[in-house]
C-alpha atoms as a PDB file:
ATOM      1  CA  MET A   1      -0.181   0.209   0.292  1.00  0.00           C
ATOM      2  CA  SER A   2       1.256   3.634  -1.338  1.00  0.00           C
ATOM      3  CA  ASN A   3       1.887   6.082   1.459  1.00  0.00           C
ATOM      4  CA  THR A   4      -0.245   8.744   0.810  1.00  0.00           C
ATOM      5  CA  ASN A   5       0.791  11.062   3.601  1.00  0.00           C
ATOM      6  CA  PRO A   6       3.339  14.628   2.565  1.00  0.00           C
ATOM      7  CA  ASN A   7       6.889  13.634   2.656  1.00  0.00           C
ATOM      8  CA  PRO A   8       8.466  16.233   5.544  1.00  0.00           C
ATOM      9  CA  LEU A   9      11.449  16.426   3.841  1.00  0.00           C
ATOM     10  CA  ALA A  10       9.942  17.760   0.596  1.00  0.00           C
ATOM     11  CA  LYS A  11      10.915  21.267   1.409  1.00  0.00           C
ATOM     12  CA  HIS A  12      13.872  19.762   1.271  1.00  0.00           C
ATOM     13  CA  PHE A  13      14.065  18.414  -2.459  1.00  0.00           C
ATOM     14  CA  ARG A  14      15.978  20.169  -4.930  1.00  0.00           C
ATOM     15  CA  GLN A  15      14.671  23.922  -5.471  1.00  0.00           C
ATOM     16  CA  PRO A  16      15.344  25.777  -9.013  1.00  0.00           C
ATOM     17  CA  SER A  17      19.034  27.176  -9.221  1.00  0.00           C
ATOM     18  CA  ILE A  18      18.747  29.601 -12.579  1.00  0.00           C
ATOM     19  CA  TYR A  19      15.532  30.915 -15.015  1.00  0.00           C
ATOM     20  CA  ILE A  20      16.722  31.407 -18.158  1.00  0.00           C
ATOM     21  CA  LYS A  21      14.970  32.948 -21.921  1.00  0.00           C
ATOM     22  CA  LEU A  22      15.135  30.346 -24.754  1.00  0.00           C
ATOM     23  CA  PRO A  23      16.578  31.423 -27.913  1.00  0.00           C
ATOM     24  CA  SER A  24      13.144  30.634 -29.346  1.00  0.00           C
ATOM     25  CA  GLU A  25      10.903  31.737 -26.949  1.00  0.00           C
ATOM     26  CA  GLY A  26       9.247  28.738 -27.222  1.00  0.00           C
ATOM     27  CA  ALA A  27       8.172  30.423 -30.596  1.00  0.00           C
ATOM     28  CA  PHE A  28       8.611  26.716 -32.342  1.00  0.00           C
ATOM     29  CA  ASN A  29       6.609  24.223 -29.342  1.00  0.00           C
ATOM     30  CA  ASP A  30       3.456  23.541 -28.893  1.00  0.00           C
ATOM     31  CA  GLU A  31       1.549  22.986 -25.239  1.00  0.00           C
ATOM     32  CA  ASP A  32       2.318  19.827 -25.364  1.00  0.00           C
ATOM     33  CA  SER A  33       5.984  19.937 -25.421  1.00  0.00           C
ATOM     34  CA  LEU A  34       6.738  22.706 -23.734  1.00  0.00           C
ATOM     35  CA  THR A  35       5.169  25.478 -21.012  1.00  0.00           C
ATOM     36  CA  ILE A  36       6.625  28.164 -20.663  1.00  0.00           C
ATOM     37  CA  PRO A  37       6.107  30.828 -17.685  1.00  0.00           C
ATOM     38  CA  VAL A  38       4.293  34.194 -17.961  1.00  0.00           C
ATOM     39  CA  ASN A  39       7.387  35.907 -17.320  1.00  0.00           C
ATOM     40  CA  GLY A  40       9.086  34.452 -20.026  1.00  0.00           C
ATOM     41  CA  GLU A  41      11.607  32.637 -17.812  1.00  0.00           C
ATOM     42  CA  VAL A  42      12.066  29.282 -17.953  1.00  0.00           C
ATOM     43  CA  PRO A  43      13.706  27.836 -14.116  1.00  0.00           C
ATOM     44  CA  VAL A  44      16.646  24.710 -14.466  1.00  0.00           C
ATOM     45  CA  TYR A  45      17.225  22.488 -11.309  1.00  0.00           C
ATOM     46  CA  PRO A  46      20.114  20.906 -10.708  1.00  0.00           C
ATOM     47  CA  MET A  47      20.956  17.363 -11.869  1.00  0.00           C
ATOM     48  CA  THR A  48      19.835  14.699  -9.489  1.00  0.00           C
ATOM     49  CA  ALA A  49      22.634  11.522  -8.084  1.00  0.00           C
ATOM     50  CA  MET A  50      19.709   9.047 -10.746  1.00  0.00           C
ATOM     51  CA  ASP A  51      20.461  11.757 -13.918  1.00  0.00           C
ATOM     52  CA  GLU A  52      24.200  11.240 -13.513  1.00  0.00           C
ATOM     53  CA  ILE A  53      23.885   7.432 -13.208  1.00  0.00           C
ATOM     54  CA  THR A  54      21.665   7.779 -16.373  1.00  0.00           C
ATOM     55  CA  TYR A  55      24.249  10.474 -18.321  1.00  0.00           C
ATOM     56  CA  ARG A  56      26.897   7.826 -17.696  1.00  0.00           C
ATOM     57  CA  THR A  57      25.586   5.364 -19.689  1.00  0.00           C
ATOM     58  CA  ALA A  58      27.044   4.167 -23.131  1.00  0.00           C
ATOM     59  CA  ASP A  59      23.662   3.117 -24.618  1.00  0.00           C
ATOM     60  CA  ALA A  60      21.491   6.562 -23.461  1.00  0.00           C
ATOM     61  CA  LEU A  61      24.633   8.606 -24.843  1.00  0.00           C
ATOM     62  CA  PHE A  62      24.838   6.865 -28.362  1.00  0.00           C
ATOM     63  CA  ASN A  63      20.730   7.081 -28.749  1.00  0.00           C
ATOM     64  CA  GLY A  64      20.028  10.438 -26.827  1.00  0.00           C
ATOM     65  CA  ALA A  65      18.346   9.079 -24.869  1.00  0.00           C
ATOM     66  CA  ALA A  66      20.609  11.132 -22.136  1.00  0.00           C
ATOM     67  CA  ILE A  67      20.013  14.107 -23.087  1.00  0.00           C
ATOM     68  CA  ALA A  68      16.460  13.643 -23.340  1.00  0.00           C
ATOM     69  CA  ASN A  69      16.442  12.428 -19.766  1.00  0.00           C
ATOM     70  CA  VAL A  70      17.941  14.909 -18.501  1.00  0.00           C
ATOM     71  CA  ILE A  71      16.131  17.805 -19.936  1.00  0.00           C
ATOM     72  CA  LYS A  72      13.076  16.053 -19.003  1.00  0.00           C
ATOM     73  CA  SER A  73      14.424  15.982 -15.392  1.00  0.00           C
ATOM     74  CA  CYS A  74      16.260  19.605 -15.193  1.00  0.00           C
ATOM     75  CA  VAL A  75      13.388  21.599 -16.942  1.00  0.00           C
ATOM     76  CA  PRO A  76      10.088  20.609 -16.075  1.00  0.00           C
ATOM     77  CA  ALA A  77       8.580  22.733 -18.474  1.00  0.00           C
ATOM     78  CA  TYR A  78       9.475  20.278 -20.971  1.00  0.00           C
ATOM     79  CA  LYS A  79       6.899  17.981 -21.961  1.00  0.00           C
ATOM     80  CA  ASP A  80       8.394  16.333 -24.381  1.00  0.00           C
ATOM     81  CA  PRO A  81      12.217  17.253 -24.290  1.00  0.00           C
ATOM     82  CA  TRP A  82      13.022  14.974 -27.352  1.00  0.00           C
ATOM     83  CA  GLN A  83      10.675  18.007 -29.484  1.00  0.00           C
ATOM     84  CA  THR A  84      13.363  20.643 -27.884  1.00  0.00           C
ATOM     85  CA  SER A  85      14.610  22.786 -30.383  1.00  0.00           C
ATOM     86  CA  THR A  86      17.934  22.965 -31.366  1.00  0.00           C
ATOM     87  CA  LEU A  87      17.942  26.660 -31.122  1.00  0.00           C
ATOM     88  CA  ASP A  88      17.239  26.115 -27.652  1.00  0.00           C
ATOM     89  CA  LEU A  89      19.656  23.086 -27.158  1.00  0.00           C
ATOM     90  CA  ASP A  90      23.045  24.649 -26.094  1.00  0.00           C
ATOM     91  CA  VAL A  91      21.281  26.884 -23.806  1.00  0.00           C
ATOM     92  CA  LEU A  92      19.550  24.123 -21.845  1.00  0.00           C
ATOM     93  CA  LEU A  93      22.330  22.324 -21.530  1.00  0.00           C
ATOM     94  CA  ILE A  94      24.648  25.159 -20.291  1.00  0.00           C
ATOM     95  CA  ALA A  95      22.312  25.881 -18.032  1.00  0.00           C
ATOM     96  CA  ILE A  96      21.884  22.729 -16.651  1.00  0.00           C
ATOM     97  CA  ARG A  97      25.795  22.559 -16.122  1.00  0.00           C
ATOM     98  CA  ILE A  98      25.374  25.768 -14.515  1.00  0.00           C
ATOM     99  CA  ALA A  99      23.062  24.774 -11.918  1.00  0.00           C
ATOM    100  CA  SER A 100      24.611  21.708 -11.303  1.00  0.00           C
ATOM    101  CA  TYR A 101      28.031  22.166 -10.921  1.00  0.00           C
ATOM    102  CA  GLY A 102      28.546  25.954 -10.989  1.00  0.00           C
ATOM    103  CA  HIS A 103      29.047  28.870 -13.906  1.00  0.00           C
ATOM    104  CA  GLU A 104      32.987  28.191 -14.404  1.00  0.00           C
ATOM    105  CA  MET A 105      34.159  25.424 -16.613  1.00  0.00           C
ATOM    106  CA  GLU A 106      37.537  24.212 -18.081  1.00  0.00           C
ATOM    107  CA  PHE A 107      38.298  24.603 -21.268  1.00  0.00           C
ATOM    108  CA  ILE A 108      41.812  22.430 -23.307  1.00  0.00           C
ATOM    109  CA  SER A 109      43.072  24.107 -26.478  1.00  0.00           C
ATOM    110  CA  LYS A 110      45.614  23.662 -28.383  1.00  0.00           C
ATOM    111  CA  CYS A 111      47.591  26.748 -29.816  1.00  0.00           C
ATOM    112  CA  PRO A 112      47.985  26.045 -33.691  1.00  0.00           C
ATOM    113  CA  LYS A 113      51.170  27.983 -33.553  1.00  0.00           C
ATOM    114  CA  CYS A 114      53.450  25.787 -30.716  1.00  0.00           C
ATOM    115  CA  GLU A 115      51.053  23.104 -30.195  1.00  0.00           C
ATOM    116  CA  GLU A 116      50.846  23.626 -26.384  1.00  0.00           C
ATOM    117  CA  GLU A 117      47.912  22.968 -24.722  1.00  0.00           C
ATOM    118  CA  ASN A 118      46.881  25.613 -22.737  1.00  0.00           C
ATOM    119  CA  ASN A 119      44.737  24.894 -19.726  1.00  0.00           C
ATOM    120  CA  PHE A 120      41.879  27.480 -18.510  1.00  0.00           C
ATOM    121  CA  SER A 121      38.624  28.519 -17.086  1.00  0.00           C
ATOM    122  CA  ILE A 122      35.605  29.760 -18.606  1.00  0.00           C
ATOM    123  CA  ASP A 123      32.522  31.799 -17.614  1.00  0.00           C
ATOM    124  CA  LEU A 124      29.563  29.833 -19.134  1.00  0.00           C
ATOM    125  CA  ARG A 125      27.561  32.218 -18.055  1.00  0.00           C
ATOM    126  CA  ASP A 126      28.911  34.831 -20.901  1.00  0.00           C
ATOM    127  CA  ILE A 127      28.661  31.624 -23.679  1.00  0.00           C
ATOM    128  CA  MET A 128      25.299  32.042 -22.814  1.00  0.00           C
ATOM    129  CA  GLU A 129      25.176  35.742 -23.708  1.00  0.00           C
ATOM    130  CA  ARG A 130      27.021  34.530 -26.647  1.00  0.00           C
ATOM    131  CA  ILE A 131      24.435  32.560 -27.870  1.00  0.00           C
ATOM    132  CA  LYS A 132      22.095  34.363 -31.272  1.00  0.00           C
ATOM    133  CA  SER A 133      18.813  33.532 -32.090  1.00  0.00           C
ATOM    134  CA  PRO A 134      18.647  33.312 -36.052  1.00  0.00           C
ATOM    135  CA  ASP A 135      15.832  35.123 -37.631  1.00  0.00           C
ATOM    136  CA  PHE A 136      13.531  32.327 -39.040  1.00  0.00           C
ATOM    137  CA  SER A 137      11.257  34.812 -40.200  1.00  0.00           C
ATOM    138  CA  LYS A 138      12.716  35.537 -44.089  1.00  0.00           C
ATOM    139  CA  PRO A 139      11.511  33.292 -46.685  1.00  0.00           C
ATOM    140  CA  ALA A 140      13.494  31.867 -49.769  1.00  0.00           C
ATOM    141  CA  THR A 141      11.693  33.356 -52.861  1.00  0.00           C
ATOM    142  CA  LEU A 142      11.444  31.171 -56.198  1.00  0.00           C
ATOM    143  CA  GLY A 143       9.692  32.610 -58.388  1.00  0.00           C
ATOM    144  CA  ASP A 144       5.695  32.409 -56.734  1.00  0.00           C
ATOM    145  CA  VAL A 145       7.008  29.861 -54.226  1.00  0.00           C
ATOM    146  CA  GLU A 146       8.006  31.299 -51.022  1.00  0.00           C
ATOM    147  CA  ILE A 147       9.817  28.609 -48.454  1.00  0.00           C
ATOM    148  CA  HIS A 148       9.265  29.051 -44.798  1.00  0.00           C
ATOM    149  CA  PHE A 149      11.867  27.394 -41.922  1.00  0.00           C
ATOM    150  CA  ARG A 150      12.376  26.365 -38.702  1.00  0.00           C
ATOM    151  CA  PRO A 151      14.950  24.805 -36.428  1.00  0.00           C
ATOM    152  CA  LEU A 152      15.178  21.281 -36.277  1.00  0.00           C
ATOM    153  CA  THR A 153      13.765  19.188 -32.870  1.00  0.00           C
ATOM    154  CA  TYR A 154      16.204  17.382 -31.232  1.00  0.00           C
ATOM    155  CA  LYS A 155      14.676  13.787 -32.037  1.00  0.00           C
ATOM    156  CA  GLU A 156      15.288  14.581 -35.406  1.00  0.00           C
ATOM    157  CA  GLN A 157      18.473  16.124 -35.178  1.00  0.00           C
ATOM    158  CA  ASN A 158      19.665  12.438 -33.519  1.00  0.00           C
ATOM    159  CA  GLU A 159      18.298  10.312 -35.714  1.00  0.00           C
ATOM    160  CA  ASN A 160      19.663  12.341 -38.527  1.00  0.00           C
ATOM    161  CA  ASN A 161      23.450  12.012 -36.567  1.00  0.00           C
ATOM    162  CA  ALA A 162      22.985   8.698 -35.887  1.00  0.00           C
ATOM    163  CA  ALA A 163      22.318   7.176 -39.151  1.00  0.00           C
ATOM    164  CA  GLN A 164      24.872   9.399 -40.415  1.00  0.00           C
ATOM    165  CA  PHE A 165      27.315   7.850 -37.959  1.00  0.00           C
ATOM    166  CA  SER A 166      26.030   4.306 -39.167  1.00  0.00           C
ATOM    167  CA  ASP A 167      26.355   5.385 -42.598  1.00  0.00           C
ATOM    168  CA  GLN A 168      29.934   7.023 -42.318  1.00  0.00           C
ATOM    169  CA  ARG A 169      31.707   4.043 -40.141  1.00  0.00           C
ATOM    170  CA  MET A 170      30.612   1.179 -42.654  1.00  0.00           C
ATOM    171  CA  LEU A 171      32.348   3.560 -45.283  1.00  0.00           C
ATOM    172  CA  GLU A 172      35.543   3.626 -43.156  1.00  0.00           C
ATOM    173  CA  THR A 173      35.715  -0.222 -42.342  1.00  0.00           C
ATOM    174  CA  LEU A 174      33.876  -1.184 -45.640  1.00  0.00           C
ATOM    175  CA  PRO A 175      37.566  -1.555 -47.561  1.00  0.00           C
ATOM    176  CA  SER A 176      39.308  -3.791 -45.141  1.00  0.00           C
ATOM    177  CA  ALA A 177      35.745  -5.908 -44.559  1.00  0.00           C
ATOM    178  CA  ASP A 178      36.816  -9.591 -46.217  1.00  0.00           C
ATOM    179  CA  ILE A 179      33.549  -9.641 -48.370  1.00  0.00           C
ATOM    180  CA  PRO A 180      33.433  -9.942 -52.494  1.00  0.00           C
ATOM    181  CA  GLU A 181      34.672  -6.638 -54.214  1.00  0.00           C
ATOM    182  CA  GLU A 182      31.216  -6.749 -56.018  1.00  0.00           C
ATOM    183  CA  GLN A 183      29.191  -6.546 -52.141  1.00  0.00           C
ATOM    184  CA  LYS A 184      31.813  -4.447 -51.435  1.00  0.00           C
ATOM    185  CA  LEU A 185      30.696  -1.477 -54.161  1.00  0.00           C
ATOM    186  CA  GLU A 186      26.764  -2.557 -53.652  1.00  0.00           C
ATOM    187  CA  MET A 187      27.399  -1.982 -49.827  1.00  0.00           C
ATOM    188  CA  LEU A 188      29.485   1.343 -50.980  1.00  0.00           C
ATOM    189  CA  GLN A 189      26.970   3.218 -53.438  1.00  0.00           C
ATOM    190  CA  GLN A 190      23.873   2.187 -50.633  1.00  0.00           C
ATOM    191  CA  ALA A 191      25.751   3.889 -47.876  1.00  0.00           C
ATOM    192  CA  PHE A 192      26.105   7.380 -50.352  1.00  0.00           C
ATOM    193  CA  GLN A 193      22.872   6.673 -51.157  1.00  0.00           C
ATOM    194  CA  ASN A 194      21.454   6.828 -47.762  1.00  0.00           C
ATOM    195  CA  ILE A 195      23.816  10.108 -46.783  1.00  0.00           C
ATOM    196  CA  SER A 196      22.101  11.294 -49.611  1.00  0.00           C
ATOM    197  CA  ASP A 197      18.965  10.669 -48.607  1.00  0.00           C
ATOM    198  CA  LEU A 198      19.566  11.590 -45.557  1.00  0.00           C
ATOM    199  CA  THR A 199      20.434  15.404 -46.449  1.00  0.00           C
ATOM    200  CA  LEU A 200      17.802  15.748 -48.426  1.00  0.00           C
ATOM    201  CA  SER A 201      15.196  14.728 -45.444  1.00  0.00           C
ATOM    202  CA  ALA A 202      17.078  16.855 -42.929  1.00  0.00           C
ATOM    203  CA  ILE A 203      17.217  20.156 -45.402  1.00  0.00           C
ATOM    204  CA  ALA A 204      13.146  19.134 -45.784  1.00  0.00           C
ATOM    205  CA  ASP A 205      12.868  18.462 -42.117  1.00  0.00           C
ATOM    206  CA  SER A 206      14.069  22.138 -41.683  1.00  0.00           C
ATOM    207  CA  ILE A 207      10.640  23.526 -43.516  1.00  0.00           C
ATOM    208  CA  SER A 208       8.027  24.684 -41.806  1.00  0.00           C
ATOM    209  CA  MET A 209       5.659  25.563 -44.777  1.00  0.00           C
ATOM    210  CA  ILE A 210       5.589  26.119 -48.227  1.00  0.00           C
ATOM    211  CA  LYS A 211       3.605  28.452 -49.965  1.00  0.00           C
ATOM    212  CA  ALA A 212       2.606  28.568 -54.047  1.00  0.00           C
ATOM    213  CA  GLY A 213       0.078  30.605 -54.652  1.00  0.00           C
ATOM    214  CA  ASP A 214      -3.380  29.702 -52.576  1.00  0.00           C
ATOM    215  CA  ASP A 215      -1.580  26.766 -51.585  1.00  0.00           C
ATOM    216  CA  ILE A 216      -0.201  26.355 -48.354  1.00  0.00           C
ATOM    217  CA  VAL A 217       2.024  22.682 -47.744  1.00  0.00           C
ATOM    218  CA  VAL A 218       2.701  21.700 -44.385  1.00  0.00           C
ATOM    219  CA  ASP A 219       3.083  17.600 -44.896  1.00  0.00           C
ATOM    220  CA  LYS A 220       6.320  16.534 -44.852  1.00  0.00           C
ATOM    221  CA  GLU A 221       6.388  14.013 -47.147  1.00  0.00           C
ATOM    222  CA  HIS A 222       4.720  16.475 -49.427  1.00  0.00           C
ATOM    223  CA  ILE A 223       7.771  19.332 -48.656  1.00  0.00           C
ATOM    224  CA  GLU A 224      10.150  16.214 -49.617  1.00  0.00           C
ATOM    225  CA  GLU A 225       9.120  15.447 -52.659  1.00  0.00           C
ATOM    226  CA  TYR A 226       9.208  18.575 -53.999  1.00  0.00           C
ATOM    227  CA  ILE A 227      12.862  19.094 -52.742  1.00  0.00           C
ATOM    228  CA  ARG A 228      13.641  15.801 -54.638  1.00  0.00           C
ATOM    229  CA  ASN A 229      11.826  17.413 -57.826  1.00  0.00           C
ATOM    230  CA  CYS A 230      12.691  20.873 -57.603  1.00  0.00           C
ATOM    231  CA  ASP A 231      15.181  22.596 -60.278  1.00  0.00           C
ATOM    232  CA  ASN A 232      19.214  22.554 -58.929  1.00  0.00           C
ATOM    233  CA  LYS A 233      19.171  26.202 -58.675  1.00  0.00           C
ATOM    234  CA  SER A 234      15.959  26.164 -56.738  1.00  0.00           C
ATOM    235  CA  PHE A 235      17.413  23.476 -54.332  1.00  0.00           C
ATOM    236  CA  VAL A 236      20.622  25.200 -53.697  1.00  0.00           C
ATOM    237  CA  LYS A 237      19.202  28.510 -52.619  1.00  0.00           C
ATOM    238  CA  ILE A 238      17.532  26.878 -50.060  1.00  0.00           C
ATOM    239  CA  ARG A 239      20.186  24.752 -48.915  1.00  0.00           C
ATOM    240  CA  THR A 240      22.214  28.178 -48.666  1.00  0.00           C
ATOM    241  CA  GLN A 241      19.936  29.745 -47.020  1.00  0.00           C
ATOM    242  CA  ILE A 242      19.408  26.933 -44.288  1.00  0.00           C
ATOM    243  CA  GLU A 243      22.836  27.157 -44.273  1.00  0.00           C
ATOM    244  CA  GLU A 244      23.182  30.868 -43.371  1.00  0.00           C
ATOM    245  CA  ILE A 245      21.001  30.233 -40.183  1.00  0.00           C
ATOM    246  CA  LYS A 246      22.899  27.435 -38.782  1.00  0.00           C
ATOM    247  CA  LYS A 247      25.761  29.900 -39.416  1.00  0.00           C
ATOM    248  CA  ALA A 248      24.005  32.818 -37.711  1.00  0.00           C
ATOM    249  CA  ALA A 249      23.342  31.066 -34.333  1.00  0.00           C
ATOM    250  CA  GLU A 250      26.916  29.164 -34.194  1.00  0.00           C
ATOM    251  CA  ILE A 251      28.631  30.804 -30.847  1.00  0.00           C
ATOM    252  CA  ASP A 252      31.456  33.339 -31.077  1.00  0.00           C
ATOM    253  CA  PRO A 253      34.654  31.547 -31.007  1.00  0.00           C
ATOM    254  CA  LEU A 254      37.128  32.487 -27.851  1.00  0.00           C
ATOM    255  CA  HIS A 255      40.292  34.827 -27.919  1.00  0.00           C
ATOM    256  CA  ILE A 256      43.098  32.740 -26.425  1.00  0.00           C
ATOM    257  CA  THR A 257      46.477  33.966 -25.534  1.00  0.00           C
ATOM    258  CA  CYS A 258      48.914  31.052 -25.508  1.00  0.00           C
ATOM    259  CA  ASN A 259      50.494  30.491 -22.074  1.00  0.00           C
ATOM    260  CA  ASP A 260      53.440  29.284 -23.765  1.00  0.00           C
ATOM    261  CA  CYS A 261      54.431  31.401 -26.841  1.00  0.00           C
ATOM    262  CA  LYS A 262      51.806  34.212 -26.226  1.00  0.00           C
ATOM    263  CA  HIS A 263      50.699  33.456 -29.475  1.00  0.00           C
ATOM    264  CA  GLU A 264      46.944  35.014 -30.323  1.00  0.00           C
ATOM    265  CA  TYR A 265      43.893  32.833 -31.861  1.00  0.00           C
ATOM    266  CA  ASP A 266      40.735  32.087 -31.689  1.00  0.00           C
ATOM    267  CA  THR A 267      38.755  28.706 -31.453  1.00  0.00           C
ATOM    268  CA  PRO A 268      35.212  27.551 -31.246  1.00  0.00           C
ATOM    269  CA  PHE A 269      33.433  26.697 -28.224  1.00  0.00           C
ATOM    270  CA  THR A 270      32.365  22.930 -28.992  1.00  0.00           C
ATOM    271  CA  MET A 271      29.900  20.910 -26.295  1.00  0.00           C
ATOM    272  CA  ASN A 272      31.156  16.868 -26.276  1.00  0.00           C
ATOM    273  CA  VAL A 273      28.208  15.865 -24.425  1.00  0.00           C
ATOM    274  CA  ALA A 274      29.730  12.686 -24.234  1.00  0.00           C
ATOM    275  CA  ASN A 275      31.523  14.046 -21.067  1.00  0.00           C
ATOM    276  CA  PHE A 276      29.888  17.771 -20.577  1.00  0.00           C
ATOM    277  CA  PHE A 277      28.380  17.164 -17.177  1.00  0.00           C
ATOM    278  CA  VAL A 278      31.696  15.155 -16.070  1.00  0.00           C
END
């Protein structure tokens, strides 16, 4: 029989450590996946011991479940963390790390001139301020066709990355595989076809709507069919605008002065999910 009495220790449970505003402001989520408070600031809780154990599970890291579980635990505003906009993902992960371990993090960078490794501390609050929200409101215009864009969800990005990793891994191991050359060639062609299909699918996922005259198309299959059958000039324009949007969302690089040779250089801030919370 379950105990229905309130837990007297509840007041000692973890509390929100910080509050953040999402770069997307929730524009790409519905109420079934995300609830934003009236003030627009989402509470972020520190990780629990169970969160840390789950995060260190190799399978959960590989299939993306570790990130989804941590977001659901630490940012309860997300009812479905798989629908997290990739526009908000970096901010969320940085905020969870700040809430759990503080705002300072060790960063290692190798000097391109003397190859000395520089170890220093960075303020993750500064990194959060560097994160920008690109403009998704501007469509690509192709005659009387308008292409409107959106960021991928974490689920879409994770599935695409996992599939690409699988095909890339096969391409790397195929030359040394002990199988007939004819079979190798077939598998090679299939892998390249899979990668091409994934690229087209990711572009279709990045499109929220296509307006063509009085027609408004939001069905993914119809959008992907259009991407596969439009002329190359139109395809290049669509792909270029998606790349420009991604570039606008990139975190500005860190400016480093080498401790050894005093050479100054810029290095990108990268988040390795495998050890970001370690």
